[in-house]
Amino acid sequence: MKFVKCLAFAGAMAAGTASFAQEKFITIGTGGQTGVYFVVGQSICRLVNRGTAEHNLKCTAPSTGGSIANINAIKAGDMDMGVAQSDWQFHAFNGTSKFEEDGKFDKLRAVFSVHGEPFTVIARKDAGIGSFDDLKGKRVNVGNPGSGQLATMEVVLAAKGWTMADFSLASELKPAEQAAALGDNKVDAIIYTVGHPNGSIQEAVSTVDAVLVPVEGEAIDGLIAENPFYAAATIPGGMYEGTPDDTNTFGVKATFVTSADVDDEVVYQVVKAVFDNFDRFKRLHPAFENLTEEEMISGGLSAPLHPGAEKYYKERGWM
């Protein structure tokens, strides 16, 4: 009898081991914990993990440095997927700008785009900053290393013929730290390329009188004209305290990317989890509210679509 029980126990253990062996863990690179990238990754993982019993995928989405850090981690095989600004997706795939030295990441694959991300400047009201040009000589948080916002800030400075030396301070705080720095008068302005409404900006305007600063003019018009991944953008008035009027700027899209080395079925199941639960996904953050399937499978995507994503879109009759 004891022998039979031992056999049964051994069989149960073997079955459990086989089940565990079939589970695949996937990691999604996001951004700072106060940003929308973190919500994107967490939301996708939440939907994927609801179906673990069917597809055996388990998903995690840790906070990371942002766009460029995510792309580099995917390239190195340290992450399976990640969120990245549309401009840095373009540059990574084509081996341009910050990716010129390492060469093109020709295995980068697009999955879908998400929300629009205006390039946003928030300034203390007492700093006397009414335009981007007024940032000269001021204390500005330009974004943390590895983030898309820092890289985009460098693009804007180059277009205007400026350098970081044109600021009295160019700090590189993470998104979670910058609102407090503005409120504590450690910086005069902060830069954020982000979907709206955003918690970090709401925190900033609730702790100090602050304004959104327009980013427009000849240099910005040139960037939009020369680069297909940039577009004019407007932050609606009334979204944040102290800014009743629309704020004109430019922006990119948040995109979800992966590598050609990631299994087709894995990408298919991730895409399926999002679009089979699209209404649920849209409720997970106000920035997702106006998303449409049509725009998400085409807008801001410059790398080829991953075959796993393409398979799902064709099944749905979208391609």
Protein backbone atom coordinates (compact mmCIF):
# COMPACT_ATOMS: atom_id res chain seq x y z
CA MET A 1 0.00 0.00 0.00
CA LYS A 2 2.81 2.36 0.93
CA PHE A 3 4.52 1.49 -2.37
CA VAL A 4 1.37 2.45 -4.32
CA LYS A 5 1.13 5.77 -2.44
CA CYS A 6 4.77 6.50 -3.23
CA LEU A 7 4.14 5.81 -6.89
CA ALA A 8 1.12 8.12 -6.85
CA PHE A 9 3.13 10.86 -5.14
CA ALA A 10 6.00 10.45 -7.61
CA GLY A 11 3.53 10.65 -10.48
CA ALA A 12 1.99 13.83 -9.08
CA MET A 13 5.44 15.37 -8.63
CA ALA A 14 6.39 14.48 -12.22
CA ALA A 15 3.16 15.99 -13.53
CA GLY A 16 3.78 19.16 -11.53
CA THR A 17 7.33 19.41 -12.86
CA ALA A 18 6.11 18.93 -16.42
CA SER A 19 3.51 21.67 -15.91
CA PHE A 20 6.13 24.02 -14.48
CA ALA A 21 8.50 23.29 -17.37
CA GLN A 22 5.83 24.39 -19.81
CA GLU A 23 5.42 27.80 -18.17
CA LYS A 24 7.26 30.61 -19.91
CA PHE A 25 8.14 33.81 -18.13
CA ILE A 26 8.22 36.99 -20.22
CA THR A 27 9.51 40.40 -19.17
CA ILE A 28 8.30 43.77 -20.46
CA GLY A 29 10.45 46.88 -20.09
CA THR A 30 8.51 49.96 -19.01
CA GLY A 31 9.70 53.26 -17.50
CA GLY A 32 9.49 55.21 -14.25
CA GLN A 33 6.75 54.16 -11.82
CA THR A 34 4.90 57.49 -12.14
CA GLY A 35 4.83 57.38 -15.95
CA VAL A 36 2.36 55.87 -18.39
CA TYR A 37 4.94 53.36 -19.73
CA PHE A 38 4.85 51.60 -16.37
CA VAL A 39 1.04 51.44 -16.59
CA VAL A 40 1.24 50.11 -20.17
CA GLY A 41 3.51 47.24 -19.14
CA GLN A 42 1.59 46.46 -15.97
CA SER A 43 -1.73 46.55 -17.87
CA ILE A 44 -0.51 44.19 -20.59
CA CYS A 45 0.87 41.80 -17.98
CA ARG A 46 -2.39 41.88 -16.05
CA LEU A 47 -4.31 40.81 -19.16
CA VAL A 48 -1.71 38.16 -20.14
CA ASN A 49 -1.67 36.69 -16.64
CA ARG A 50 -5.47 36.34 -16.63
CA GLY A 51 -5.00 33.63 -19.26
CA THR A 52 -1.95 31.83 -17.84
CA ALA A 53 -3.92 28.60 -17.38
CA GLU A 54 -4.55 28.46 -21.14
CA HIS A 55 -1.25 29.64 -22.64
CA ASN A 56 1.23 29.06 -19.75
CA LEU A 57 2.73 32.54 -20.06
CA LYS A 58 3.59 34.53 -16.95
CA CYS A 59 4.38 38.18 -17.41
CA THR A 60 6.28 40.76 -15.34
CA ALA A 61 6.81 44.44 -16.14
CA PRO A 62 9.47 46.04 -13.92
CA SER A 63 10.25 49.75 -13.84
CA THR A 64 13.18 50.65 -16.13
CA GLY A 65 15.07 53.64 -17.48
CA GLY A 66 12.69 54.02 -20.42
CA SER A 67 12.73 53.81 -24.22
CA ILE A 68 16.41 53.45 -25.05
CA ALA A 69 17.13 51.24 -22.04
CA ASN A 70 14.25 48.97 -23.09
CA ILE A 71 15.40 48.68 -26.70
CA ASN A 72 18.96 47.89 -25.60
CA ALA A 73 17.69 45.27 -23.14
CA ILE A 74 15.59 43.60 -25.87
CA LYS A 75 18.59 43.61 -28.19
CA ALA A 76 20.75 42.00 -25.48
CA GLY A 77 18.09 39.35 -24.80
CA ASP A 78 17.56 40.60 -21.24
CA MET A 79 13.92 41.49 -21.92
CA ASP A 80 11.36 40.04 -24.31
CA MET A 81 9.37 43.18 -25.04
CA GLY A 82 9.21 46.83 -24.06
CA VAL A 83 7.66 50.23 -24.53
CA ALA A 84 9.55 52.84 -26.56
CA GLN A 85 8.91 56.20 -28.14
CA SER A 86 8.22 55.97 -31.86
CA ASP A 87 11.26 58.10 -32.71
CA TRP A 88 13.63 55.75 -30.87
CA GLN A 89 12.01 52.73 -32.49
CA PHE A 90 12.82 54.34 -35.85
CA HIS A 91 16.40 55.21 -34.92
CA ALA A 92 17.12 51.79 -33.40
CA PHE A 93 15.89 49.90 -36.45
CA ASN A 94 17.73 52.19 -38.85
CA GLY A 95 20.94 52.57 -36.83
CA THR A 96 20.71 56.37 -36.68
CA SER A 97 21.02 59.04 -34.00
CA LYS A 98 21.94 57.44 -30.64
CA PHE A 99 22.07 53.99 -32.28
CA GLU A 100 24.54 54.95 -35.01
CA GLU A 101 27.62 53.72 -33.15
CA ASP A 102 26.21 50.23 -32.45
CA GLY A 103 24.57 49.92 -35.88
CA LYS A 104 21.00 49.08 -36.78
CA PHE A 105 19.01 46.68 -34.64
CA ASP A 106 17.57 44.87 -37.66
CA LYS A 107 15.84 42.27 -35.48
CA LEU A 108 13.69 44.94 -33.80
CA ARG A 109 10.01 44.25 -34.45
CA ALA A 110 6.93 46.39 -33.90
CA VAL A 111 3.90 44.95 -32.11
CA PHE A 112 1.49 47.89 -31.77
CA SER A 113 1.43 51.55 -30.81
CA VAL A 114 -0.31 52.94 -27.78
CA HIS A 115 -1.03 56.55 -26.76
CA GLY A 116 0.32 59.85 -28.06
CA GLU A 117 3.10 61.47 -26.05
CA PRO A 118 3.49 65.24 -26.21
CA PHE A 119 6.90 66.70 -25.36
CA THR A 120 5.89 68.53 -22.20
CA VAL A 121 7.59 71.37 -20.32
CA ILE A 122 6.27 72.29 -16.86
CA ALA A 123 7.73 75.39 -15.16
CA ARG A 124 7.36 77.10 -11.81
CA LYS A 125 5.17 80.16 -12.27
CA ASP A 126 7.67 82.32 -10.36
CA ALA A 127 10.48 81.35 -12.77
CA GLY A 128 9.13 83.63 -15.50
CA ILE A 129 9.20 80.96 -18.22
CA GLY A 130 6.60 81.62 -20.94
CA SER A 131 8.28 79.87 -23.86
CA PHE A 132 10.93 77.23 -24.50
CA ASP A 133 13.49 79.99 -25.22
CA ASP A 134 13.01 81.27 -21.67
CA LEU A 135 14.62 78.05 -20.38
CA LYS A 136 18.05 79.44 -21.26
CA GLY A 137 20.01 80.03 -18.07
CA LYS A 138 17.45 78.19 -15.94
CA ARG A 139 17.64 75.03 -13.82
CA VAL A 140 16.02 72.27 -15.88
CA ASN A 141 15.47 68.57 -15.24
CA VAL A 142 16.17 67.11 -18.68
CA GLY A 143 15.40 63.43 -17.93
CA ASN A 144 17.24 60.37 -16.67
CA PRO A 145 19.92 58.55 -18.72
CA GLY A 146 18.38 55.85 -20.93
CA SER A 147 15.06 57.67 -21.20
CA GLY A 148 13.40 58.77 -24.40
CA GLN A 149 12.69 62.17 -22.90
CA LEU A 150 16.38 62.95 -22.35
CA ALA A 151 17.21 61.77 -25.86
CA THR A 152 14.37 63.86 -27.35
CA MET A 153 15.48 66.87 -25.32
CA GLU A 154 18.93 66.52 -26.90
CA VAL A 155 17.28 66.47 -30.35
CA VAL A 156 15.38 69.67 -29.56
CA LEU A 157 18.54 71.38 -28.28
CA ALA A 158 20.45 70.39 -31.42
CA ALA A 159 17.65 71.77 -33.61
CA LYS A 160 17.83 75.07 -31.75
CA GLY A 161 21.64 75.16 -31.75
CA TRP A 162 21.78 74.85 -27.95
CA THR A 163 23.67 72.53 -25.62
CA MET A 164 23.11 71.47 -22.02
CA ALA A 165 25.57 74.21 -21.06
CA ASP A 166 22.88 76.75 -21.95
CA PHE A 167 21.12 75.81 -18.71
CA SER A 168 22.47 76.88 -15.32
CA LEU A 169 21.66 73.32 -14.23
CA ALA A 170 20.73 70.28 -16.33
CA SER A 171 19.69 67.66 -13.78
CA GLU A 172 18.95 64.03 -14.73
CA LEU A 173 16.37 63.04 -12.14
CA LYS A 174 13.99 60.15 -12.73
CA PRO A 175 10.30 60.92 -13.38
CA ALA A 176 9.38 59.89 -9.83
CA GLU A 177 11.77 62.53 -8.43
CA GLN A 178 11.18 65.52 -10.68
CA ALA A 179 7.82 66.76 -9.34
CA ALA A 180 9.25 67.05 -5.82
CA ALA A 181 12.32 68.84 -7.18
CA LEU A 182 10.07 71.41 -8.87
CA GLY A 183 8.02 71.87 -5.70
CA ASP A 184 11.14 72.17 -3.52
CA ASN A 185 12.55 74.87 -5.85
CA LYS A 186 15.54 72.72 -6.81
CA VAL A 187 14.71 73.19 -10.51
CA ASP A 188 12.78 75.83 -12.43
CA ALA A 189 11.33 73.46 -15.01
CA ILE A 190 10.96 69.78 -15.81
CA ILE A 191 10.74 68.00 -19.17
CA TYR A 192 8.52 64.99 -19.74
CA THR A 193 7.58 63.13 -22.94
CA VAL A 194 4.46 61.42 -21.68
CA GLY A 195 0.82 60.59 -22.21
CA HIS A 196 -1.76 62.82 -20.54
CA PRO A 197 -3.19 63.11 -17.97
CA ASN A 198 -0.10 62.20 -15.98
CA GLY A 199 0.20 61.63 -12.24
CA SER A 200 3.67 63.17 -11.91
CA ILE A 201 2.53 66.41 -13.56
CA GLN A 202 -0.64 66.49 -11.44
CA GLU A 203 1.59 66.09 -8.37
CA ALA A 204 3.80 68.96 -9.54
CA VAL A 205 0.96 71.45 -10.14
CA SER A 206 -0.69 70.53 -6.83
CA THR A 207 2.46 71.33 -4.80
CA VAL A 208 3.53 74.58 -6.50
CA ASP A 209 2.04 77.18 -8.85
CA ALA A 210 3.18 75.84 -12.22
CA VAL A 211 2.39 76.28 -15.91
CA LEU A 212 2.70 74.21 -19.06
CA VAL A 213 5.06 75.89 -21.51
CA PRO A 214 4.46 75.85 -25.30
CA VAL A 215 7.15 74.24 -27.43
CA GLU A 216 6.79 75.71 -30.92
CA GLY A 217 8.54 77.84 -33.51
CA GLU A 218 10.75 77.43 -36.56
CA ALA A 219 13.09 74.78 -35.09
CA ILE A 220 10.16 72.61 -33.97
CA ASP A 221 8.38 73.04 -37.31
CA GLY A 222 11.59 71.81 -38.98
CA LEU A 223 11.76 68.72 -36.77
CA ILE A 224 8.15 67.84 -37.62
CA ALA A 225 8.71 68.40 -41.36
CA GLU A 226 11.89 66.33 -41.50
CA ASN A 227 10.91 63.39 -39.29
CA PRO A 228 7.86 61.19 -39.94
CA PHE A 229 7.74 60.01 -36.32
CA TYR A 230 7.08 63.55 -34.98
CA ALA A 231 3.77 65.38 -35.17
CA ALA A 232 2.26 68.58 -33.81
CA ALA A 233 0.47 67.96 -30.51
CA THR A 234 -1.82 69.86 -28.17
CA ILE A 235 -2.26 69.39 -24.43
CA PRO A 236 -5.89 70.37 -23.74
CA GLY A 237 -6.52 73.34 -21.48
CA GLY A 238 -8.02 72.62 -18.10
CA MET A 239 -6.35 69.23 -17.77
CA TYR A 240 -4.00 70.59 -15.09
CA GLU A 241 -4.45 73.27 -12.47
CA GLY A 242 -3.06 76.64 -13.59
CA THR A 243 -3.26 75.88 -17.33
CA PRO A 244 -6.73 76.86 -18.59
CA ASP A 245 -5.65 77.21 -22.24
CA ASP A 246 -4.42 74.63 -24.77
CA THR A 247 -0.64 74.20 -24.89
CA ASN A 248 0.95 73.68 -28.31
CA THR A 249 3.92 71.36 -28.61
CA PHE A 250 5.01 68.33 -30.66
CA GLY A 251 5.16 64.68 -29.84
CA VAL A 252 5.64 61.02 -30.59
CA LYS A 253 3.72 57.83 -29.95
CA ALA A 254 4.39 55.22 -27.32
CA THR A 255 5.01 51.93 -29.13
CA PHE A 256 5.27 48.33 -27.99
CA VAL A 257 8.24 46.48 -29.48
CA THR A 258 10.01 43.13 -29.37
CA SER A 259 12.67 41.14 -31.21
CA ALA A 260 12.42 38.75 -34.14
CA ASP A 261 14.02 36.20 -31.79
CA VAL A 262 10.94 36.13 -29.56
CA ASP A 263 8.69 33.17 -30.38
CA ASP A 264 5.73 33.91 -32.69
CA GLU A 265 3.26 32.18 -30.36
CA VAL A 266 4.40 34.26 -27.38
CA VAL A 267 3.84 37.54 -29.23
CA TYR A 268 0.54 36.25 -30.64
CA GLN A 269 -0.77 35.45 -27.14
CA VAL A 270 0.31 38.85 -25.76
CA VAL A 271 -1.42 40.68 -28.62
CA LYS A 272 -4.49 38.48 -28.25
CA ALA A 273 -4.65 39.22 -24.51
CA VAL A 274 -4.75 42.96 -25.22
CA PHE A 275 -7.15 43.09 -28.16
CA ASP A 276 -9.50 40.34 -26.97
CA ASN A 277 -9.92 42.49 -23.85
CA PHE A 278 -9.68 45.88 -25.56
CA ASP A 279 -12.41 47.67 -23.60
CA ARG A 280 -10.86 46.47 -20.34
CA PHE A 281 -7.41 47.66 -21.51
CA LYS A 282 -8.75 51.14 -22.37
CA ARG A 283 -10.13 51.52 -18.84
CA LEU A 284 -6.75 50.94 -17.20
CA HIS A 285 -5.49 54.52 -17.77
CA PRO A 286 -7.10 57.78 -18.97
CA ALA A 287 -4.41 58.08 -21.69
CA PHE A 288 -5.81 54.88 -23.30
CA GLU A 289 -9.38 56.21 -23.47
CA ASN A 290 -9.39 57.23 -27.14
CA LEU A 291 -7.30 54.37 -28.53
CA THR A 292 -8.57 52.59 -31.65
CA GLU A 293 -7.48 49.21 -33.01
CA GLU A 294 -6.88 50.69 -36.46
CA GLU A 295 -4.48 53.37 -35.22
CA MET A 296 -2.67 51.00 -32.84
CA ILE A 297 -1.66 48.53 -35.54
CA SER A 298 -0.22 51.19 -37.84
CA GLY A 299 0.53 54.54 -36.18
CA GLY A 300 4.14 55.27 -35.26
CA LEU A 301 5.44 51.85 -36.35
CA SER A 302 8.64 52.00 -38.40
CA ALA A 303 10.11 48.54 -37.68
CA PRO A 304 8.48 45.53 -39.41
CA LEU A 305 5.55 43.93 -37.61
CA HIS A 306 6.40 40.80 -35.66
CA PRO A 307 4.86 37.72 -37.38
CA GLY A 308 3.03 36.80 -34.16
CA ALA A 309 1.28 40.18 -34.13
CA GLU A 310 0.62 40.02 -37.86
CA LYS A 311 -1.03 36.59 -37.47
CA TYR A 312 -3.51 37.96 -34.93
CA TYR A 313 -4.32 41.07 -36.99
CA LYS A 314 -4.99 38.95 -40.06
CA GLU A 315 -7.24 36.63 -38.06
CA ARG A 316 -9.27 39.65 -37.01
CA GLY A 317 -9.49 40.88 -40.62
CA TRP A 318 -7.57 44.04 -39.87
CA MET A 319 -4.87 43.37 -42.48
